[in-house]
């Protein structure tokens, strides 16, 4: 079972989101919950939780083609 930790909250295109990270054998992964959308994940692995959070922000900006505002 994966252990997810909340890393950030914010807004993208007037929708709120939460970014969680989880450590694994290969590194950290992220998942993003955006209001009105299915759970989003990417296969990329990161060296730290901070790197995974930054990767999630970049992922959201690509998916929504809009800037992300973190709380």
Foldseek 3Di string as FASTA:
>chain_A
DWDWDWDWWWDWPNWIKTKIWTADPVAIWIWMDTPPDDIDTDPDHDHYPVVNVVVVQVVRCVVRVTHIDID
